[in-house]
């Protein structure tokens, strides 16, 4: 899969932080090395720097690069996760 985005802000994600973690991990695994996925994350669970980023860094270690892109007007967060290898 080439560069793409996934919306982790829909109702089911508002109810489950675990689902955000699971689907973010799957999205990264579905992304080809050399490409990236933008993760749009609901603000309801707080700042993803406190739960999502450490989770992904532990799972993928040096295989990814995570960059905060923006906080949306709706309060959500966007992260660009590049697959390095």
Protein backbone atom coordinates (compact mmCIF):
# COMPACT_ATOMS: atom_id res chain seq x y z
CA UNK A 1 0.00 0.00 0.00
CA UNK A 2 1.25 3.46 -0.86
CA UNK A 3 0.99 6.58 1.30
CA UNK A 4 -2.44 6.75 2.84
CA UNK A 5 -4.54 7.87 5.81
CA UNK A 6 -6.75 6.12 8.33
CA UNK A 7 -9.54 7.74 10.32
CA UNK A 8 -9.38 6.64 13.97
CA UNK A 9 -11.95 9.24 15.02
CA UNK A 10 -15.23 7.43 14.31
CA UNK A 11 -17.65 6.33 17.02
CA UNK A 12 -16.07 2.95 17.73
CA UNK A 13 -12.72 4.63 18.42
CA UNK A 14 -14.31 7.17 20.74
CA UNK A 15 -15.36 4.25 22.92
CA UNK A 16 -12.12 2.24 22.85
CA UNK A 17 -8.53 3.37 23.20
CA UNK A 18 -7.49 -0.28 22.72
CA UNK A 19 -9.12 -0.29 19.28
CA UNK A 20 -7.11 2.80 18.34
CA UNK A 21 -3.90 1.00 19.33
CA UNK A 22 -4.84 -2.20 17.51
CA UNK A 23 -5.92 -0.52 14.28
CA UNK A 24 -2.99 1.94 14.27
CA UNK A 25 -0.59 -1.00 14.57
CA UNK A 26 -2.39 -2.86 11.77
CA UNK A 27 -2.36 0.24 9.55
CA UNK A 28 1.40 0.56 9.98
CA UNK A 29 1.93 -3.12 9.21
CA UNK A 30 -0.23 -2.68 6.07
CA UNK A 31 1.97 0.21 4.93
CA UNK A 32 4.83 -0.69 2.61
CA UNK A 33 8.38 0.17 3.70
CA UNK A 34 9.32 3.56 2.29
CA UNK A 35 5.73 4.79 2.59
CA UNK A 36 3.70 6.39 5.34
CA UNK A 37 0.25 6.34 6.90
CA UNK A 38 -1.41 9.38 8.45
CA UNK A 39 -3.23 8.48 11.65
CA UNK A 40 -6.17 10.78 12.48
CA UNK A 41 -6.90 10.22 16.17
CA UNK A 42 -9.82 11.43 18.26
CA UNK A 43 -9.01 13.75 21.14
CA UNK A 44 -11.37 12.00 23.56
CA UNK A 45 -8.55 9.82 24.99
CA UNK A 46 -6.16 12.71 25.51
CA UNK A 47 -2.87 13.49 23.84
CA UNK A 48 -1.63 10.45 21.84
CA UNK A 49 1.95 11.30 22.89
CA UNK A 50 1.06 9.74 26.24
CA UNK A 51 -0.33 6.41 25.03
CA UNK A 52 -0.13 5.87 21.24
CA UNK A 53 3.41 7.03 20.51
CA UNK A 54 5.04 4.93 23.29
CA UNK A 55 2.96 1.90 22.22
CA UNK A 56 4.06 2.21 18.58
CA UNK A 57 7.69 2.88 19.49
CA UNK A 58 7.73 -0.27 21.61
CA UNK A 59 6.10 -2.38 18.90
CA UNK A 60 8.14 -1.15 15.93
CA UNK A 61 11.34 0.24 17.48
CA UNK A 62 13.62 1.46 14.66
CA UNK A 63 11.27 0.31 11.87
CA UNK A 64 9.19 3.50 11.91
CA UNK A 65 9.47 7.25 12.25
CA UNK A 66 6.60 9.11 13.94
CA UNK A 67 5.96 12.79 13.34
CA UNK A 68 3.20 14.92 14.84
CA UNK A 69 1.54 16.80 11.98
CA UNK A 70 -1.26 18.87 13.46
CA UNK A 71 -4.07 19.15 15.92
CA UNK A 72 -7.31 19.55 13.97
CA UNK A 73 -9.85 22.26 14.62
CA UNK A 74 -12.15 19.50 15.92
CA UNK A 75 -9.55 18.68 18.59
CA UNK A 76 -8.22 15.49 17.01
CA UNK A 77 -4.58 14.76 16.28
CA UNK A 78 -2.78 13.75 13.09
CA UNK A 79 0.45 11.75 13.09
CA UNK A 80 2.51 10.72 10.08
CA UNK A 81 4.09 7.29 10.61
CA UNK A 82 6.71 6.30 8.03
CA UNK A 83 7.76 2.68 7.59
CA UNK A 84 11.53 2.67 7.29
CA UNK A 85 11.94 -1.10 6.75
